[in-house]
Protein backbone atom coordinates (compact mmCIF):
# COMPACT_ATOMS: atom_id res chain seq x y z
CA UNK A 1 36.33 42.27 7.41
CA UNK A 2 32.77 43.19 8.41
CA UNK A 3 29.58 42.30 6.53
CA UNK A 4 29.16 45.79 4.99
CA UNK A 5 32.70 45.73 3.58
CA UNK A 6 32.11 42.27 2.11
CA UNK A 7 28.83 43.46 0.56
CA UNK A 8 30.59 46.43 -1.06
CA UNK A 9 33.38 44.18 -2.29
CA UNK A 10 30.81 41.87 -3.90
CA UNK A 11 29.17 44.90 -5.53
CA UNK A 12 32.44 46.15 -6.98
CA UNK A 13 33.38 42.67 -8.20
CA UNK A 14 29.97 42.22 -9.86
CA UNK A 15 30.22 45.66 -11.49
CA UNK A 16 33.73 44.94 -12.77
CA UNK A 17 32.81 41.54 -14.18
CA UNK A 18 29.59 42.59 -15.94
CA UNK A 19 31.18 45.70 -17.42
CA UNK A 20 34.34 43.84 -18.47
CA UNK A 21 32.27 41.12 -20.11
CA UNK A 22 30.63 43.76 -22.31
CA UNK A 23 33.94 45.25 -23.51
CA UNK A 24 35.01 42.61 -26.09
CA UNK A 25 31.67 42.73 -27.91
CA UNK A 26 31.61 46.51 -27.85
CA UNK A 27 35.19 46.67 -29.17
CA UNK A 28 34.45 44.19 -31.97
CA UNK A 29 31.30 46.04 -33.03
CA UNK A 30 32.98 49.44 -33.05
CA UNK A 31 36.08 48.11 -34.85
CA UNK A 32 34.28 46.15 -37.58
CA UNK A 33 31.09 48.25 -37.85
CA UNK A 34 29.27 44.91 -38.25
CA UNK A 35 25.88 45.63 -36.74
CA UNK A 36 23.91 43.10 -38.76
CA UNK A 37 23.07 41.01 -35.70
CA UNK A 38 21.99 43.93 -33.51
CA UNK A 39 18.32 44.69 -32.95
CA UNK A 40 17.54 48.42 -32.73
CA UNK A 41 14.58 47.72 -30.46
CA UNK A 42 16.55 45.54 -28.07
CA UNK A 43 19.55 47.87 -27.96
CA UNK A 44 17.33 50.91 -27.45
CA UNK A 45 15.61 49.21 -24.50
CA UNK A 46 18.95 47.98 -23.13
CA UNK A 47 20.51 51.45 -23.35
CA UNK A 48 17.48 53.05 -21.69
CA UNK A 49 17.60 50.42 -18.93
CA UNK A 50 21.30 51.03 -18.31
CA UNK A 51 20.61 54.79 -18.14
CA UNK A 52 17.92 54.14 -15.54
CA UNK A 53 20.29 51.94 -13.51
CA UNK A 54 22.79 54.80 -13.62
CA UNK A 55 20.20 57.27 -12.35
CA UNK A 56 19.18 54.78 -9.66
CA UNK A 57 22.81 54.37 -8.58
CA UNK A 58 23.26 58.14 -8.45
CA UNK A 59 20.10 58.59 -6.39
CA UNK A 60 21.14 56.01 -3.79
CA UNK A 61 24.84 56.92 -3.95
CA UNK A 62 26.13 53.41 -4.71
CA UNK A 63 29.43 53.69 -6.56
CA UNK A 64 29.53 50.13 -7.94
CA UNK A 65 26.20 50.74 -9.68
CA UNK A 66 27.23 54.22 -10.82
CA UNK A 67 30.63 53.21 -12.24
CA UNK A 68 29.47 50.06 -14.00
CA UNK A 69 26.45 51.67 -15.58
CA UNK A 70 28.24 54.86 -16.60
CA UNK A 71 30.81 52.83 -18.55
CA UNK A 72 28.20 50.45 -19.98
CA UNK A 73 25.94 53.36 -20.97
CA UNK A 74 28.77 55.01 -22.89
CA UNK A 75 29.57 51.78 -24.74
CA UNK A 76 25.93 50.87 -25.40
CA UNK A 77 25.25 54.39 -26.70
CA UNK A 78 28.21 54.13 -29.07
CA UNK A 79 27.00 50.78 -30.37
CA UNK A 80 23.40 51.98 -30.74
CA UNK A 81 24.60 55.11 -32.54
CA UNK A 82 26.78 52.99 -34.83
CA UNK A 83 23.83 50.72 -35.60
CA UNK A 84 21.59 53.69 -36.48
CA UNK A 85 24.23 55.36 -38.69
CA UNK A 86 25.16 52.14 -40.53
CA UNK A 87 21.52 51.22 -41.12
CA UNK A 88 20.72 54.72 -42.42
CA UNK A 89 23.67 54.59 -44.82
CA UNK A 90 22.57 51.16 -46.07
CA UNK A 91 19.03 52.38 -46.68
CA UNK A 92 20.31 55.41 -48.59
CA UNK A 93 22.65 53.28 -50.68
CA UNK A 94 19.83 50.85 -51.47
CA UNK A 95 17.55 53.56 -52.89
CA UNK A 96 17.36 53.69 -56.66
CA UNK A 97 19.71 56.35 -58.09
CA UNK A 98 16.85 58.46 -59.47
CA UNK A 99 15.12 58.54 -56.08
CA UNK A 100 18.41 59.46 -54.32
CA UNK A 101 18.94 62.34 -56.78
CA UNK A 102 15.41 63.64 -56.17
CA UNK A 103 15.90 63.53 -52.38
CA UNK A 104 19.31 65.24 -52.67
CA UNK A 105 17.89 68.05 -54.79
CA UNK A 106 15.02 68.84 -52.42
């Protein structure tokens, strides 16, 4: 096996391991909807960074980077979206009833 093939194999292995390591946490978060330990700022930055890695991979045509970041971006976006929806519902539920009625009637 030549050096280029070994380099690509390392890239695919790294992509598979980092993406696979993210799956259990993503599954748990989506299944339980427990987002209490997730920072919106951190997850927003993480999701944006993964999107940029995906664009980078597309621009240079490197499939390990493209595949890993496409999957991770989908999962990170789902988790970020879940966090935003759950937090919004909690804020609405925490409003006093009179205030909620006023907002609903506007």
